[in-house]
Amino acid sequence: MKLLSSRDTNSRIYFDAVCIRRTVFVEEQHVPLEIEIDEHEAQCVHFVLYDDKNIAVATARLLPDKEDANCALLQRMAVLKEHRGKGYGRDVIAAVEYFAAQNNFCAIVLHAQITAQEFYAKMGYAVFGDEFEEAAIRHISMRKRSILTPPVRGIA
């Protein structure tokens, strides 16, 4: 496995990220494409996890918070359906957290789909605020202090 990241919206990494996001969010969850691909794409760091066959299996993006320079927003975390249950989501989150800590972010905030709230809670994220709807899906805000730990499972 390897995890690559890029800020370049013309890179293969970005295109692989968008492909995963389109499959998971647009096709599976019926999120409109115009909401899924937004005006923040060029300001984000896009992460893609590739399996041992160099297939893109999971993604996330990190957006610096405009209101709090010490905080980053973890967004668009997705794992392709056929690769779920293998720990790839945890691997991507751990790598994003490590990147955030290395870049002096003190906290990570995310908007978890209610169905993923337990997943994030197990990774140390705490709920704050009330439930809300985003793209016709129930969400809850969660945050975690950034922890400087290396990514798991030997991701290159």
Protein backbone atom coordinates (compact mmCIF):
# COMPACT_ATOMS: atom_id res chain seq x y z
CA MET A 1 0.00 0.00 0.00
CA LYS A 2 1.04 3.56 -0.56
CA LEU A 3 -0.56 6.85 0.23
CA LEU A 4 0.07 9.80 -2.05
CA SER A 5 -1.04 13.39 -1.70
CA SER A 6 -1.23 16.38 -3.97
CA ARG A 7 -2.47 19.96 -4.10
CA ASP A 8 -2.38 19.88 -7.90
CA THR A 9 -5.87 19.56 -9.38
CA ASN A 10 -4.28 18.45 -12.66
CA SER A 11 -2.46 15.50 -11.09
CA ARG A 12 -3.28 11.81 -11.38
CA ILE A 13 -3.68 11.73 -7.60
CA TYR A 14 -6.43 14.33 -7.74
CA PHE A 15 -8.17 12.57 -10.64
CA ASP A 16 -8.06 9.27 -8.72
CA ALA A 17 -9.52 11.03 -5.66
CA VAL A 18 -12.36 12.51 -7.71
CA CYS A 19 -13.08 9.13 -9.30
CA ILE A 20 -13.47 7.51 -5.87
CA ARG A 21 -15.59 10.42 -4.61
CA ARG A 22 -17.82 10.30 -7.68
CA THR A 23 -18.38 6.57 -7.22
CA VAL A 24 -19.10 6.77 -3.48
CA PHE A 25 -20.85 10.10 -3.06
CA VAL A 26 -22.48 10.81 -6.44
CA GLU A 27 -23.35 7.29 -7.62
CA GLU A 28 -23.94 5.47 -4.30
CA GLN A 29 -25.27 8.29 -2.13
CA HIS A 30 -26.82 10.48 -4.86
CA VAL A 31 -24.99 13.65 -3.87
CA PRO A 32 -25.23 16.12 -6.76
CA LEU A 33 -21.92 16.45 -8.60
CA GLU A 34 -22.06 20.25 -8.33
CA ILE A 35 -22.01 19.89 -4.52
CA GLU A 36 -19.40 17.14 -4.44
CA ILE A 37 -16.84 18.99 -6.56
CA ASP A 38 -16.71 22.45 -5.04
CA GLU A 39 -14.83 25.74 -5.09
CA HIS A 40 -12.35 24.52 -2.44
CA GLU A 41 -10.68 21.80 -4.55
CA ALA A 42 -7.55 23.87 -5.33
CA GLN A 43 -7.06 24.87 -1.67
CA CYS A 44 -7.08 21.27 -0.41
CA VAL A 45 -4.47 18.59 -0.05
CA HIS A 46 -5.93 15.47 -1.67
CA PHE A 47 -4.90 12.05 -0.33
CA VAL A 48 -5.29 8.74 -2.14
CA LEU A 49 -4.51 5.29 -0.78
CA TYR A 50 -3.37 2.78 -3.41
CA ASP A 51 -3.39 -0.96 -2.76
CA ASP A 52 -0.58 -3.36 -3.64
CA LYS A 53 -1.85 -3.53 -7.24
CA ASN A 54 -1.66 0.29 -7.49
CA ILE A 55 -5.45 0.61 -7.50
CA ALA A 56 -6.86 3.74 -5.85
CA VAL A 57 -9.09 2.44 -3.04
CA ALA A 58 -9.64 5.32 -0.60
CA THR A 59 -9.40 9.08 -0.44
CA ALA A 60 -9.80 12.16 1.75
CA ARG A 61 -9.01 15.82 1.48
CA LEU A 62 -7.73 18.33 4.02
CA LEU A 63 -8.75 21.98 3.86
CA PRO A 64 -7.16 24.64 6.09
CA ASP A 65 -9.88 26.34 8.13
CA LYS A 66 -10.26 29.98 7.03
CA GLU A 67 -11.60 30.95 10.46
CA ASP A 68 -8.96 29.18 12.57
CA ALA A 69 -5.43 28.88 11.16
CA ASN A 70 -4.62 26.16 13.73
CA CYS A 71 -7.40 23.90 12.48
CA ALA A 72 -7.91 21.84 9.33
CA LEU A 73 -11.11 20.38 7.93
CA LEU A 74 -11.07 16.69 7.00
CA GLN A 75 -13.48 16.21 4.12
CA ARG A 76 -14.57 13.80 1.38
CA MET A 77 -13.27 10.67 3.11
CA ALA A 78 -14.39 7.68 1.05
CA VAL A 79 -13.48 4.05 0.50
CA LEU A 80 -14.67 2.15 -2.56
CA LYS A 81 -17.40 -0.33 -1.63
CA GLU A 82 -15.44 -3.45 -2.63
CA HIS A 83 -12.55 -2.37 -0.38
CA ARG A 84 -14.49 -1.50 2.77
CA GLY A 85 -13.88 -3.43 5.96
CA LYS A 86 -10.14 -3.75 5.30
CA GLY A 87 -9.02 -0.86 7.51
CA TYR A 88 -8.29 1.46 4.60
CA GLY A 89 -10.42 4.25 6.04
CA ARG A 90 -8.42 4.15 9.27
CA ASP A 91 -5.20 4.16 7.27
CA VAL A 92 -6.20 7.27 5.31
CA ILE A 93 -7.35 9.10 8.46
CA ALA A 94 -4.12 8.25 10.29
CA ALA A 95 -2.04 9.55 7.38
CA VAL A 96 -4.09 12.75 7.13
CA GLU A 97 -3.72 13.31 10.88
CA TYR A 98 0.04 12.80 10.65
CA PHE A 99 0.25 15.27 7.76
CA ALA A 100 -1.85 17.79 9.71
CA ALA A 101 0.38 17.50 12.78
CA GLN A 102 3.53 17.88 10.67
CA ASN A 103 2.04 21.05 9.22
CA ASN A 104 1.30 22.54 12.65
CA PHE A 105 -2.45 22.09 12.72
CA CYS A 106 -3.60 21.64 16.32
CA ALA A 107 -7.01 20.15 15.57
CA ILE A 108 -8.99 18.47 12.83
CA VAL A 109 -12.71 19.07 12.37
CA LEU A 110 -15.00 17.00 10.18
CA HIS A 111 -18.67 16.66 9.31
CA ALA A 112 -19.41 12.97 9.77
CA GLN A 113 -22.36 11.30 8.18
CA ILE A 114 -24.40 9.93 11.08
CA THR A 115 -23.78 6.40 9.79
CA ALA A 116 -20.00 7.01 10.15
CA GLN A 117 -20.10 8.71 13.56
CA GLU A 118 -19.06 5.56 15.43
CA PHE A 119 -16.12 5.00 13.04
CA TYR A 120 -14.76 8.48 13.79
CA ALA A 121 -15.47 8.16 17.52
CA LYS A 122 -13.30 5.03 17.61
CA MET A 123 -10.53 7.12 16.05
CA GLY A 124 -10.76 9.69 18.86
CA TYR A 125 -13.11 12.27 17.34
CA ALA A 126 -15.62 13.91 19.68
CA VAL A 127 -19.04 15.27 18.73
CA PHE A 128 -19.83 18.95 19.09
CA GLY A 129 -22.93 20.85 18.09
CA ASP A 130 -26.22 19.56 16.77
CA GLU A 131 -27.03 17.24 13.90
CA PHE A 132 -27.55 18.95 10.54
CA GLU A 133 -28.28 18.06 6.95
CA GLU A 134 -25.73 18.36 4.16
CA ALA A 135 -26.49 17.11 0.63
CA ALA A 136 -29.71 15.57 2.01
CA ILE A 137 -27.67 13.38 4.42
CA ARG A 138 -27.69 13.71 8.22
CA HIS A 139 -24.31 14.82 9.64
CA ILE A 140 -22.70 15.71 12.95
CA SER A 141 -19.62 17.87 13.56
CA MET A 142 -16.67 16.14 15.23
CA ARG A 143 -13.18 17.25 16.23
CA LYS A 144 -9.88 15.79 17.34
CA ARG A 145 -6.67 17.31 18.52
CA SER A 146 -3.96 16.55 15.97
CA ILE A 147 -1.60 13.83 17.22
CA LEU A 148 1.86 13.34 15.78
CA THR A 149 1.95 9.59 15.21
CA PRO A 150 3.22 7.80 12.12
CA PRO A 151 0.69 6.26 9.72
CA VAL A 152 -0.22 2.64 10.41
CA ARG A 153 0.39 -0.56 8.46
CA GLY A 154 3.54 0.53 6.70
CA ILE A 155 2.03 2.90 4.20
CA ALA A 156 4.80 4.27 2.02
